[in-house]
């Protein structure tokens, strides 16, 4: 299964929804980068993604985007293939 990295914060409902969706797809490990605890990591996230809101999700080396983008991939049937990549 592909590595999943998520820029997140503790009180973000979209982050919780993204994690729930990923867990339902069989993801057992999500590397969480907490931008609320370390503000410099938000700057890193913004530099890498061009976005300032959380969650920002990477599956493998691919930046997926936020929860809406993740959900759209799931609806299109493309999420499983992306998660299955080594």
PDB file of N, CA and C in Angstrom:
ATOM      1  N   UNK A   1       0.851  -1.185   0.000  1.00  0.00           N
ATOM      2  CA  UNK A   1       0.000   0.000   0.000  1.00  0.00           C
ATOM      3  C   UNK A   1       0.890   1.238   0.000  1.00  0.00           C
ATOM      4  N   UNK A   2       0.454   2.272  -0.698  1.00  0.00           N
ATOM      5  CA  UNK A   2       1.204   3.518  -0.796  1.00  0.00           C
ATOM      6  C   UNK A   2       1.245   4.227   0.552  1.00  0.00           C
ATOM      7  N   UNK A   3       2.320   4.963   0.776  1.00  0.00           N
ATOM      8  CA  UNK A   3       2.450   5.758   1.993  1.00  0.00           C
ATOM      9  C   UNK A   3       1.496   6.949   1.905  1.00  0.00           C
ATOM     10  N   UNK A   4       0.819   7.239   3.021  1.00  0.00           N
ATOM     11  CA  UNK A   4      -0.111   8.364   3.081  1.00  0.00           C
ATOM     12  C   UNK A   4       0.423   9.365   4.099  1.00  0.00           C
ATOM     13  N   UNK A   5       0.552  10.612   3.658  1.00  0.00           N
ATOM     14  CA  UNK A   5       0.994  11.709   4.520  1.00  0.00           C
ATOM     15  C   UNK A   5      -0.093  12.770   4.473  1.00  0.00           C
ATOM     16  N   UNK A   6      -0.457  13.273   5.649  1.00  0.00           N
ATOM     17  CA  UNK A   6      -1.522  14.279   5.703  1.00  0.00           C
ATOM     18  C   UNK A   6      -1.110  15.426   6.614  1.00  0.00           C
ATOM     19  N   UNK A   7      -1.081  16.621   6.034  1.00  0.00           N
ATOM     20  CA  UNK A   7      -0.946  17.832   6.841  1.00  0.00           C
ATOM     21  C   UNK A   7      -2.307  18.052   7.479  1.00  0.00           C
ATOM     22  N   UNK A   8      -2.317  18.252   8.794  1.00  0.00           N
ATOM     23  CA  UNK A   8      -3.574  18.251   9.530  1.00  0.00           C
ATOM     24  C   UNK A   8      -3.518  19.169  10.742  1.00  0.00           C
ATOM     25  N   UNK A   9      -4.654  19.350  11.380  1.00  0.00           N
ATOM     26  CA  UNK A   9      -4.731  20.022  12.682  1.00  0.00           C
ATOM     27  C   UNK A   9      -5.751  19.270  13.530  1.00  0.00           C
ATOM     28  N   UNK A  10      -5.724  19.521  14.822  1.00  0.00           N
ATOM     29  CA  UNK A  10      -6.520  18.731  15.761  1.00  0.00           C
ATOM     30  C   UNK A  10      -8.021  18.942  15.618  1.00  0.00           C
ATOM     31  N   UNK A  11      -8.453  20.133  15.282  1.00  0.00           N
ATOM     32  CA  UNK A  11      -9.886  20.434  15.322  1.00  0.00           C
ATOM     33  C   UNK A  11     -10.488  20.623  13.927  1.00  0.00           C
ATOM     34  N   UNK A  12      -9.928  19.967  12.952  1.00  0.00           N
ATOM     35  CA  UNK A  12     -10.359  20.130  11.569  1.00  0.00           C
ATOM     36  C   UNK A  12     -11.320  18.996  11.179  1.00  0.00           C
ATOM     37  N   UNK A  13     -12.604  19.309  10.960  1.00  0.00           N
ATOM     38  CA  UNK A  13     -13.551  18.248  10.599  1.00  0.00           C
ATOM     39  C   UNK A  13     -13.232  17.610   9.244  1.00  0.00           C
ATOM     40  N   UNK A  14     -12.677  18.372   8.311  1.00  0.00           N
ATOM     41  CA  UNK A  14     -12.312  17.808   7.009  1.00  0.00           C
ATOM     42  C   UNK A  14     -11.157  16.818   7.150  1.00  0.00           C
ATOM     43  N   UNK A  15     -10.256  17.109   8.079  1.00  0.00           N
ATOM     44  CA  UNK A  15      -9.146  16.183   8.362  1.00  0.00           C
ATOM     45  C   UNK A  15      -9.682  14.868   8.916  1.00  0.00           C
ATOM     46  N   UNK A  16     -10.638  14.973   9.828  1.00  0.00           N
ATOM     47  CA  UNK A  16     -11.243  13.781  10.418  1.00  0.00           C
ATOM     48  C   UNK A  16     -11.986  12.967   9.357  1.00  0.00           C
ATOM     49  N   UNK A  17     -12.691  13.653   8.469  1.00  0.00           N
ATOM     50  CA  UNK A  17     -13.399  12.959   7.387  1.00  0.00           C
ATOM     51  C   UNK A  17     -12.419  12.279   6.441  1.00  0.00           C
ATOM     52  N   UNK A  18     -11.322  12.939   6.139  1.00  0.00           N
ATOM     53  CA  UNK A  18     -10.310  12.350   5.255  1.00  0.00           C
ATOM     54  C   UNK A  18      -9.718  11.102   5.898  1.00  0.00           C
ATOM     55  N   UNK A  19      -9.396  11.200   7.182  1.00  0.00           N
ATOM     56  CA  UNK A  19      -8.833  10.042   7.880  1.00  0.00           C
ATOM     57  C   UNK A  19      -9.839   8.891   7.897  1.00  0.00           C
ATOM     58  N   UNK A  20     -11.103   9.192   8.152  1.00  0.00           N
ATOM     59  CA  UNK A  20     -12.140   8.153   8.179  1.00  0.00           C
ATOM     60  C   UNK A  20     -12.257   7.466   6.818  1.00  0.00           C
ATOM     61  N   UNK A  21     -12.259   8.255   5.743  1.00  0.00           N
ATOM     62  CA  UNK A  21     -12.354   7.689   4.400  1.00  0.00           C
ATOM     63  C   UNK A  21     -11.160   6.797   4.104  1.00  0.00           C
ATOM     64  N   UNK A  22      -9.976   7.264   4.449  1.00  0.00           N
ATOM     65  CA  UNK A  22      -8.763   6.467   4.199  1.00  0.00           C
ATOM     66  C   UNK A  22      -8.783   5.177   5.020  1.00  0.00           C
ATOM     67  N   UNK A  23      -9.188   5.250   6.268  1.00  0.00           N
ATOM     68  CA  UNK A  23      -9.275   4.041   7.109  1.00  0.00           C
ATOM     69  C   UNK A  23     -10.283   3.049   6.521  1.00  0.00           C
ATOM     70  N   UNK A  24     -11.407   3.568   6.028  1.00  0.00           N
ATOM     71  CA  UNK A  24     -12.413   2.700   5.409  1.00  0.00           C
ATOM     72  C   UNK A  24     -11.896   2.031   4.140  1.00  0.00           C
ATOM     73  N   UNK A  25     -10.883   2.623   3.527  1.00  0.00           N
ATOM     74  CA  UNK A  25     -10.265   2.048   2.324  1.00  0.00           C
ATOM     75  C   UNK A  25      -9.112   1.108   2.679  1.00  0.00           C
ATOM     76  N   UNK A  26      -8.901   0.880   3.958  1.00  0.00           N
ATOM     77  CA  UNK A  26      -7.890  -0.073   4.388  1.00  0.00           C
ATOM     78  C   UNK A  26      -6.549   0.523   4.763  1.00  0.00           C
ATOM     79  N   UNK A  27      -6.441   1.836   4.786  1.00  0.00           N
ATOM     80  CA  UNK A  27      -5.182   2.471   5.179  1.00  0.00           C
ATOM     81  C   UNK A  27      -5.021   2.325   6.686  1.00  0.00           C
ATOM     82  N   UNK A  28      -3.923   1.732   7.103  1.00  0.00           N
ATOM     83  CA  UNK A  28      -3.691   1.521   8.530  1.00  0.00           C
ATOM     84  C   UNK A  28      -2.724   2.534   9.114  1.00  0.00           C
ATOM     85  N   UNK A  29      -1.901   3.146   8.258  1.00  0.00           N
ATOM     86  CA  UNK A  29      -0.928   4.127   8.730  1.00  0.00           C
ATOM     87  C   UNK A  29      -1.054   5.416   7.949  1.00  0.00           C
ATOM     88  N   UNK A  30      -1.209   6.505   8.687  1.00  0.00           N
ATOM     89  CA  UNK A  30      -1.236   7.836   8.097  1.00  0.00           C
ATOM     90  C   UNK A  30      -0.210   8.667   8.861  1.00  0.00           C
ATOM     91  N   UNK A  31       0.787   9.160   8.139  1.00  0.00           N
ATOM     92  CA  UNK A  31       1.756  10.050   8.770  1.00  0.00           C
ATOM     93  C   UNK A  31       1.109  11.428   8.852  1.00  0.00           C
ATOM     94  N   UNK A  32       0.861  11.882  10.072  1.00  0.00           N
ATOM     95  CA  UNK A  32       0.192  13.167  10.275  1.00  0.00           C
ATOM     96  C   UNK A  32       1.227  14.233  10.610  1.00  0.00           C
ATOM     97  N   UNK A  33       1.154  15.327   9.882  1.00  0.00           N
ATOM     98  CA  UNK A  33       2.009  16.476  10.133  1.00  0.00           C
ATOM     99  C   UNK A  33       1.099  17.561  10.693  1.00  0.00           C
ATOM    100  N   UNK A  34       1.239  17.848  11.972  1.00  0.00           N
ATOM    101  CA  UNK A  34       0.332  18.757  12.683  1.00  0.00           C
ATOM    102  C   UNK A  34       0.788  20.206  12.528  1.00  0.00           C
ATOM    103  N   UNK A  35       0.120  20.937  11.671  1.00  0.00           N
ATOM    104  CA  UNK A  35       0.477  22.338  11.438  1.00  0.00           C
ATOM    105  C   UNK A  35      -0.002  23.247  12.570  1.00  0.00           C
ATOM    106  N   UNK A  36      -0.932  22.768  13.389  1.00  0.00           N
ATOM    107  CA  UNK A  36      -1.378  23.575  14.526  1.00  0.00           C
ATOM    108  C   UNK A  36      -0.363  23.558  15.662  1.00  0.00           C
ATOM    109  N   UNK A  37       0.430  22.522  15.744  1.00  0.00           N
ATOM    110  CA  UNK A  37       1.444  22.419  16.799  1.00  0.00           C
ATOM    111  C   UNK A  37       2.768  23.056  16.386  1.00  0.00           C
ATOM    112  N   UNK A  38       3.040  23.062  15.080  1.00  0.00           N
ATOM    113  CA  UNK A  38       4.296  23.603  14.565  1.00  0.00           C
ATOM    114  C   UNK A  38       3.990  24.498  13.361  1.00  0.00           C
ATOM    115  N   UNK A  39       3.761  25.792  13.618  1.00  0.00           N
ATOM    116  CA  UNK A  39       3.362  26.716  12.551  1.00  0.00           C
ATOM    117  C   UNK A  39       4.322  26.765  11.364  1.00  0.00           C
ATOM    118  N   UNK A  40       5.597  26.507  11.584  1.00  0.00           N
ATOM    119  CA  UNK A  40       6.547  26.517  10.467  1.00  0.00           C
ATOM    120  C   UNK A  40       6.220  25.413   9.461  1.00  0.00           C
ATOM    121  N   UNK A  41       5.543  24.372   9.908  1.00  0.00           N
ATOM    122  CA  UNK A  41       5.157  23.296   8.999  1.00  0.00           C
ATOM    123  C   UNK A  41       4.019  23.725   8.076  1.00  0.00           C
ATOM    124  N   UNK A  42       3.198  24.701   8.509  1.00  0.00           N
ATOM    125  CA  UNK A  42       2.170  25.249   7.616  1.00  0.00           C
ATOM    126  C   UNK A  42       2.851  25.975   6.459  1.00  0.00           C
ATOM    127  N   UNK A  43       3.923  26.695   6.763  1.00  0.00           N
ATOM    128  CA  UNK A  43       4.685  27.384   5.713  1.00  0.00           C
ATOM    129  C   UNK A  43       5.265  26.360   4.726  1.00  0.00           C
ATOM    130  N   UNK A  44       5.786  25.261   5.256  1.00  0.00           N
ATOM    131  CA  UNK A  44       6.310  24.185   4.412  1.00  0.00           C
ATOM    132  C   UNK A  44       5.202  23.627   3.518  1.00  0.00           C
ATOM    133  N   UNK A  45       4.040  23.375   4.118  1.00  0.00           N
ATOM    134  CA  UNK A  45       2.900  22.837   3.378  1.00  0.00           C
ATOM    135  C   UNK A  45       2.484  23.801   2.268  1.00  0.00           C
ATOM    136  N   UNK A  46       2.385  25.083   2.588  1.00  0.00           N
ATOM    137  CA  UNK A  46       1.973  26.071   1.600  1.00  0.00           C
ATOM    138  C   UNK A  46       2.975  26.163   0.457  1.00  0.00           C
ATOM    139  N   UNK A  47       4.248  26.064   0.788  1.00  0.00           N
ATOM    140  CA  UNK A  47       5.293  26.108  -0.238  1.00  0.00           C
ATOM    141  C   UNK A  47       5.200  24.895  -1.164  1.00  0.00           C
ATOM    142  N   UNK A  48       4.934  23.721  -0.591  1.00  0.00           N
ATOM    143  CA  UNK A  48       4.873  22.484  -1.378  1.00  0.00           C
ATOM    144  C   UNK A  48       3.592  22.360  -2.195  1.00  0.00           C
ATOM    145  N   UNK A  49       2.467  22.799  -1.625  1.00  0.00           N
ATOM    146  CA  UNK A  49       1.172  22.534  -2.252  1.00  0.00           C
ATOM    147  C   UNK A  49       0.534  23.746  -2.909  1.00  0.00           C
ATOM    148  N   UNK A  50       0.957  24.945  -2.502  1.00  0.00           N
ATOM    149  CA  UNK A  50       0.312  26.155  -2.992  1.00  0.00           C
ATOM    150  C   UNK A  50      -1.032  26.419  -2.319  1.00  0.00           C
ATOM    151  N   UNK A  51      -1.332  25.659  -1.287  1.00  0.00           N
ATOM    152  CA  UNK A  51      -2.604  25.788  -0.564  1.00  0.00           C
ATOM    153  C   UNK A  51      -2.321  26.061   0.902  1.00  0.00           C
ATOM    154  N   UNK A  52      -3.296  26.728   1.552  1.00  0.00           N
ATOM    155  CA  UNK A  52      -3.082  27.080   2.954  1.00  0.00           C
ATOM    156  C   UNK A  52      -4.016  26.348   3.913  1.00  0.00           C
ATOM    157  N   UNK A  53      -4.983  25.590   3.395  1.00  0.00           N
ATOM    158  CA  UNK A  53      -5.943  24.904   4.265  1.00  0.00           C
ATOM    159  C   UNK A  53      -5.560  23.442   4.463  1.00  0.00           C
ATOM    160  N   UNK A  54      -5.988  22.897   5.591  1.00  0.00           N
ATOM    161  CA  UNK A  54      -5.801  21.475   5.857  1.00  0.00           C
ATOM    162  C   UNK A  54      -7.137  20.774   5.700  1.00  0.00           C
ATOM    163  N   UNK A  55      -7.122  19.495   5.377  1.00  0.00           N
ATOM    164  CA  UNK A  55      -5.946  18.663   5.176  1.00  0.00           C
ATOM    165  C   UNK A  55      -5.337  18.877   3.791  1.00  0.00           C
ATOM    166  N   UNK A  56      -4.063  18.568   3.696  1.00  0.00           N
ATOM    167  CA  UNK A  56      -3.393  18.418   2.413  1.00  0.00           C
ATOM    168  C   UNK A  56      -2.820  17.013   2.442  1.00  0.00           C
ATOM    169  N   UNK A  57      -3.203  16.212   1.468  1.00  0.00           N
ATOM    170  CA  UNK A  57      -2.939  14.774   1.503  1.00  0.00           C
ATOM    171  C   UNK A  57      -2.024  14.371   0.361  1.00  0.00           C
ATOM    172  N   UNK A  58      -1.025  13.574   0.714  1.00  0.00           N
ATOM    173  CA  UNK A  58      -0.156  12.947  -0.273  1.00  0.00           C
ATOM    174  C   UNK A  58      -0.373  11.442  -0.198  1.00  0.00           C
ATOM    175  N   UNK A  59      -0.507  10.825  -1.352  1.00  0.00           N
ATOM    176  CA  UNK A  59      -0.526   9.366  -1.439  1.00  0.00           C
ATOM    177  C   UNK A  59       0.657   9.006  -2.304  1.00  0.00           C
ATOM    178  N   UNK A  60       1.617   8.311  -1.691  1.00  0.00           N
ATOM    179  CA  UNK A  60       2.888   8.110  -2.378  1.00  0.00           C
ATOM    180  C   UNK A  60       3.521   9.472  -2.587  1.00  0.00           C
ATOM    181  N   UNK A  61       3.988   9.727  -3.783  1.00  0.00           N
ATOM    182  CA  UNK A  61       4.592  11.019  -4.103  1.00  0.00           C
ATOM    183  C   UNK A  61       3.585  12.014  -4.662  1.00  0.00           C
ATOM    184  N   UNK A  62       2.342  11.593  -4.849  1.00  0.00           N
ATOM    185  CA  UNK A  62       1.332  12.430  -5.494  1.00  0.00           C
ATOM    186  C   UNK A  62       0.550  13.266  -4.485  1.00  0.00           C
ATOM    187  N   UNK A  63       0.513  14.572  -4.729  1.00  0.00           N
ATOM    188  CA  UNK A  63      -0.321  15.456  -3.916  1.00  0.00           C
ATOM    189  C   UNK A  63      -1.756  15.303  -4.402  1.00  0.00           C
ATOM    190  N   UNK A  64      -2.622  14.813  -3.534  1.00  0.00           N
ATOM    191  CA  UNK A  64      -4.022  14.585  -3.870  1.00  0.00           C
ATOM    192  C   UNK A  64      -4.821  15.865  -3.689  1.00  0.00           C
ATOM    193  N   UNK A  65      -4.499  16.638  -2.664  1.00  0.00           N
ATOM    194  CA  UNK A  65      -5.244  17.847  -2.335  1.00  0.00           C
ATOM    195  C   UNK A  65      -5.904  17.687  -0.989  1.00  0.00           C
ATOM    196  N   UNK A  66      -7.084  18.291  -0.841  1.00  0.00           N
ATOM    197  CA  UNK A  66      -7.818  18.239   0.412  1.00  0.00           C
ATOM    198  C   UNK A  66      -8.862  17.140   0.427  1.00  0.00           C
ATOM    199  N   UNK A  67      -9.762  17.227   1.415  1.00  0.00           N
ATOM    200  CA  UNK A  67     -10.776  16.189   1.551  1.00  0.00           C
ATOM    201  C   UNK A  67     -11.679  16.112   0.326  1.00  0.00           C
ATOM    202  N   UNK A  68     -12.106  17.260  -0.202  1.00  0.00           N
ATOM    203  CA  UNK A  68     -12.991  17.245  -1.376  1.00  0.00           C
ATOM    204  C   UNK A  68     -12.327  16.541  -2.556  1.00  0.00           C
ATOM    205  N   UNK A  69     -11.036  16.769  -2.734  1.00  0.00           N
ATOM    206  CA  UNK A  69     -10.293  16.111  -3.813  1.00  0.00           C
ATOM    207  C   UNK A  69     -10.193  14.604  -3.574  1.00  0.00           C
ATOM    208  N   UNK A  70      -9.940  14.227  -2.317  1.00  0.00           N
ATOM    209  CA  UNK A  70      -9.858  12.808  -1.948  1.00  0.00           C
ATOM    210  C   UNK A  70     -11.200  12.122  -2.198  1.00  0.00           C
ATOM    211  N   UNK A  71     -12.276  12.776  -1.779  1.00  0.00           N
ATOM    212  CA  UNK A  71     -13.615  12.218  -1.962  1.00  0.00           C
ATOM    213  C   UNK A  71     -13.933  12.077  -3.449  1.00  0.00           C
ATOM    214  N   UNK A  72     -13.563  13.068  -4.250  1.00  0.00           N
ATOM    215  CA  UNK A  72     -13.808  13.007  -5.700  1.00  0.00           C
ATOM    216  C   UNK A  72     -13.069  11.822  -6.316  1.00  0.00           C
ATOM    217  N   UNK A  73     -11.836  11.579  -5.889  1.00  0.00           N
ATOM    218  CA  UNK A  73     -11.096  10.407  -6.379  1.00  0.00           C
ATOM    219  C   UNK A  73     -11.835   9.120  -6.038  1.00  0.00           C
ATOM    220  N   UNK A  74     -12.384   9.060  -4.830  1.00  0.00           N
ATOM    221  CA  UNK A  74     -13.120   7.878  -4.407  1.00  0.00           C
ATOM    222  C   UNK A  74     -14.363   7.680  -5.267  1.00  0.00           C
ATOM    223  N   UNK A  75     -15.116   8.746  -5.503  1.00  0.00           N
ATOM    224  CA  UNK A  75     -16.330   8.673  -6.317  1.00  0.00           C
ATOM    225  C   UNK A  75     -16.008   8.231  -7.741  1.00  0.00           C
ATOM    226  N   UNK A  76     -14.876   8.691  -8.264  1.00  0.00           N
ATOM    227  CA  UNK A  76     -14.452   8.328  -9.626  1.00  0.00           C
ATOM    228  C   UNK A  76     -13.914   6.902  -9.700  1.00  0.00           C
ATOM    229  N   UNK A  77     -13.681   6.292  -8.543  1.00  0.00           N
ATOM    230  CA  UNK A  77     -13.141   4.937  -8.524  1.00  0.00           C
ATOM    231  C   UNK A  77     -11.637   4.880  -8.687  1.00  0.00           C
ATOM    232  N   UNK A  78     -10.967   6.015  -8.512  1.00  0.00           N
ATOM    233  CA  UNK A  78      -9.513   6.058  -8.721  1.00  0.00           C
ATOM    234  C   UNK A  78      -8.709   5.974  -7.432  1.00  0.00           C
ATOM    235  N   UNK A  79      -9.363   6.089  -6.297  1.00  0.00           N
ATOM    236  CA  UNK A  79      -8.639   6.105  -5.023  1.00  0.00           C
ATOM    237  C   UNK A  79      -7.978   4.758  -4.719  1.00  0.00           C
ATOM    238  N   UNK A  80      -8.691   3.680  -4.933  1.00  0.00           N
ATOM    239  CA  UNK A  80      -8.139   2.356  -4.616  1.00  0.00           C
ATOM    240  C   UNK A  80      -6.853   2.085  -5.380  1.00  0.00           C
ATOM    241  N   UNK A  81      -6.830   2.420  -6.669  1.00  0.00           N
ATOM    242  CA  UNK A  81      -5.640   2.191  -7.486  1.00  0.00           C
ATOM    243  C   UNK A  81      -4.476   3.020  -6.989  1.00  0.00           C
ATOM    244  N   UNK A  82      -4.748   4.249  -6.615  1.00  0.00           N
ATOM    245  CA  UNK A  82      -3.694   5.117  -6.103  1.00  0.00           C
ATOM    246  C   UNK A  82      -3.139   4.576  -4.791  1.00  0.00           C
ATOM    247  N   UNK A  83      -4.011   4.086  -3.930  1.00  0.00           N
ATOM    248  CA  UNK A  83      -3.573   3.519  -2.652  1.00  0.00           C
ATOM    249  C   UNK A  83      -2.815   2.208  -2.846  1.00  0.00           C
ATOM    250  N   UNK A  84      -3.150   1.459  -3.870  1.00  0.00           N
ATOM    251  CA  UNK A  84      -2.537   0.154  -4.099  1.00  0.00           C
ATOM    252  C   UNK A  84      -1.135   0.250  -4.683  1.00  0.00           C
ATOM    253  N   UNK A  85      -0.789   1.411  -5.242  1.00  0.00           N
ATOM    254  CA  UNK A  85       0.536   1.571  -5.858  1.00  0.00           C
ATOM    255  C   UNK A  85       1.609   1.446  -4.785  1.00  0.00           C
ATOM    256  N   UNK A  86       2.744   0.849  -5.153  1.00  0.00           N
ATOM    257  CA  UNK A  86       3.827   0.678  -4.167  1.00  0.00           C
ATOM    258  C   UNK A  86       4.481   1.986  -3.780  1.00  0.00           C
TER     259      UNK A  86
END
